[in-house]
């Protein structure tokens, strides 16, 4: 597991109770294939919100999801990290 994910895991375990309503936000290059891959990270892609950057080069994708445990959150971030150019906030 990547060091940044270890830190996130430790922080979430120390501060939160489970299940947890968790806010995800990703910045994605405006590329339909990459946007689709991020949408597939969530069980209900229709509930995602999208916002284009001023120059329309990037799309912010956000979602509030009820997550059963910290490992479920980490799994989403790990899968997102595999998509080239995606930034997790």
C-alpha atoms as a PDB file:
ATOM      1  CA  UNK A   1       0.000   0.000   0.000  1.00  0.00           C
ATOM      2  CA  UNK A   2       1.299   3.441  -0.942  1.00  0.00           C
ATOM      3  CA  UNK A   3       2.498   5.681   1.901  1.00  0.00           C
ATOM      4  CA  UNK A   4      -0.129   8.339   1.190  1.00  0.00           C
ATOM      5  CA  UNK A   5      -2.872   5.700   1.488  1.00  0.00           C
ATOM      6  CA  UNK A   6      -1.403   4.461   4.763  1.00  0.00           C
ATOM      7  CA  UNK A   7      -1.590   7.978   6.188  1.00  0.00           C
ATOM      8  CA  UNK A   8      -5.173   8.417   4.982  1.00  0.00           C
ATOM      9  CA  UNK A   9      -6.119   5.039   6.440  1.00  0.00           C
ATOM     10  CA  UNK A  10      -4.604   5.924   9.826  1.00  0.00           C
ATOM     11  CA  UNK A  11      -6.308   9.326   9.871  1.00  0.00           C
ATOM     12  CA  UNK A  12      -9.716   7.907   8.989  1.00  0.00           C
ATOM     13  CA  UNK A  13      -9.484   5.109  11.532  1.00  0.00           C
ATOM     14  CA  UNK A  14      -8.582   7.555  14.294  1.00  0.00           C
ATOM     15  CA  UNK A  15     -11.287  10.109  13.585  1.00  0.00           C
ATOM     16  CA  UNK A  16     -14.329   8.456  12.110  1.00  0.00           C
ATOM     17  CA  UNK A  17     -17.114   6.040  12.970  1.00  0.00           C
ATOM     18  CA  UNK A  18     -18.335   3.523  10.418  1.00  0.00           C
ATOM     19  CA  UNK A  19     -20.258   3.391   8.142  1.00  0.00           C
ATOM     20  CA  UNK A  20     -19.347   6.889   6.976  1.00  0.00           C
ATOM     21  CA  UNK A  21     -20.716   9.350   4.428  1.00  0.00           C
ATOM     22  CA  UNK A  22     -17.515  10.181   2.542  1.00  0.00           C
ATOM     23  CA  UNK A  23     -16.958  12.946  -0.008  1.00  0.00           C
ATOM     24  CA  UNK A  24     -14.831  11.996  -3.014  1.00  0.00           C
ATOM     25  CA  UNK A  25     -13.523  14.550  -5.502  1.00  0.00           C
ATOM     26  CA  UNK A  26     -11.370  13.920  -8.540  1.00  0.00           C
ATOM     27  CA  UNK A  27      -9.970  16.227 -11.190  1.00  0.00           C
ATOM     28  CA  UNK A  28      -9.994  14.440 -14.542  1.00  0.00           C
ATOM     29  CA  UNK A  29      -8.639  15.518 -17.932  1.00  0.00           C
ATOM     30  CA  UNK A  30     -11.571  16.236 -20.240  1.00  0.00           C
ATOM     31  CA  UNK A  31     -11.285  12.888 -21.991  1.00  0.00           C
ATOM     32  CA  UNK A  32     -14.433  10.766 -22.297  1.00  0.00           C
ATOM     33  CA  UNK A  33     -12.545   7.504 -21.692  1.00  0.00           C
ATOM     34  CA  UNK A  34     -10.977   8.769 -18.440  1.00  0.00           C
ATOM     35  CA  UNK A  35     -14.244  10.294 -17.265  1.00  0.00           C
ATOM     36  CA  UNK A  36     -15.990   6.957 -17.885  1.00  0.00           C
ATOM     37  CA  UNK A  37     -13.324   5.098 -15.882  1.00  0.00           C
ATOM     38  CA  UNK A  38     -13.844   7.434 -12.916  1.00  0.00           C
ATOM     39  CA  UNK A  39     -17.613   7.031 -13.187  1.00  0.00           C
ATOM     40  CA  UNK A  40     -17.156   3.258 -12.951  1.00  0.00           C
ATOM     41  CA  UNK A  41     -15.524   3.639  -9.533  1.00  0.00           C
ATOM     42  CA  UNK A  42     -18.952   4.347  -8.028  1.00  0.00           C
ATOM     43  CA  UNK A  43     -22.053   2.154  -7.733  1.00  0.00           C
ATOM     44  CA  UNK A  44     -24.438   4.893  -8.953  1.00  0.00           C
ATOM     45  CA  UNK A  45     -22.656   6.983 -11.586  1.00  0.00           C
ATOM     46  CA  UNK A  46     -25.892   8.899 -12.158  1.00  0.00           C
ATOM     47  CA  UNK A  47     -25.481  10.460  -8.684  1.00  0.00           C
ATOM     48  CA  UNK A  48     -22.105  12.023  -9.500  1.00  0.00           C
ATOM     49  CA  UNK A  49     -21.725  15.758  -9.995  1.00  0.00           C
ATOM     50  CA  UNK A  50     -19.584  17.216 -12.763  1.00  0.00           C
ATOM     51  CA  UNK A  51     -18.078  20.654 -13.167  1.00  0.00           C
ATOM     52  CA  UNK A  52     -15.844  21.807 -16.014  1.00  0.00           C
ATOM     53  CA  UNK A  53     -12.829  24.024 -15.425  1.00  0.00           C
ATOM     54  CA  UNK A  54     -12.911  27.511 -16.880  1.00  0.00           C
ATOM     55  CA  UNK A  55     -10.935  26.444 -19.963  1.00  0.00           C
ATOM     56  CA  UNK A  56     -12.812  23.090 -20.147  1.00  0.00           C
ATOM     57  CA  UNK A  57      -9.554  21.117 -20.088  1.00  0.00           C
ATOM     58  CA  UNK A  58     -10.521  19.366 -16.836  1.00  0.00           C
ATOM     59  CA  UNK A  59     -13.674  18.040 -15.236  1.00  0.00           C
ATOM     60  CA  UNK A  60     -14.191  17.896 -11.468  1.00  0.00           C
ATOM     61  CA  UNK A  61     -16.135  14.790 -10.516  1.00  0.00           C
ATOM     62  CA  UNK A  62     -17.504  14.512  -6.997  1.00  0.00           C
ATOM     63  CA  UNK A  63     -19.682  12.128  -5.075  1.00  0.00           C
ATOM     64  CA  UNK A  64     -20.924  11.501  -1.561  1.00  0.00           C
ATOM     65  CA  UNK A  65     -20.948   7.795  -0.815  1.00  0.00           C
ATOM     66  CA  UNK A  66     -21.795   5.785   2.277  1.00  0.00           C
ATOM     67  CA  UNK A  67     -18.668   3.713   2.826  1.00  0.00           C
ATOM     68  CA  UNK A  68     -18.737   0.662   5.122  1.00  0.00           C
ATOM     69  CA  UNK A  69     -15.079   0.868   6.165  1.00  0.00           C
ATOM     70  CA  UNK A  70     -11.767   2.583   5.516  1.00  0.00           C
ATOM     71  CA  UNK A  71     -10.564  -0.140   3.156  1.00  0.00           C
ATOM     72  CA  UNK A  72     -13.473   0.603   0.812  1.00  0.00           C
ATOM     73  CA  UNK A  73     -12.356   4.233   0.580  1.00  0.00           C
ATOM     74  CA  UNK A  74      -8.730   3.276  -0.030  1.00  0.00           C
ATOM     75  CA  UNK A  75      -9.812   0.861  -2.766  1.00  0.00           C
ATOM     76  CA  UNK A  76     -11.542   3.688  -4.679  1.00  0.00           C
ATOM     77  CA  UNK A  77      -8.420   5.867  -4.429  1.00  0.00           C
ATOM     78  CA  UNK A  78      -6.145   3.019  -5.533  1.00  0.00           C
ATOM     79  CA  UNK A  79      -8.275   2.356  -8.608  1.00  0.00           C
ATOM     80  CA  UNK A  80      -8.410   6.082  -9.418  1.00  0.00           C
ATOM     81  CA  UNK A  81      -4.608   6.271  -9.144  1.00  0.00           C
ATOM     82  CA  UNK A  82      -4.379   3.768 -12.008  1.00  0.00           C
ATOM     83  CA  UNK A  83      -6.090   6.250 -14.374  1.00  0.00           C
ATOM     84  CA  UNK A  84      -3.441   8.452 -15.968  1.00  0.00           C
ATOM     85  CA  UNK A  85      -3.869  12.149 -15.244  1.00  0.00           C
ATOM     86  CA  UNK A  86      -6.488  11.819 -12.514  1.00  0.00           C
ATOM     87  CA  UNK A  87      -5.924  13.886  -9.388  1.00  0.00           C
ATOM     88  CA  UNK A  88      -7.648  12.949  -6.130  1.00  0.00           C
ATOM     89  CA  UNK A  89      -8.523  15.784  -3.766  1.00  0.00           C
END
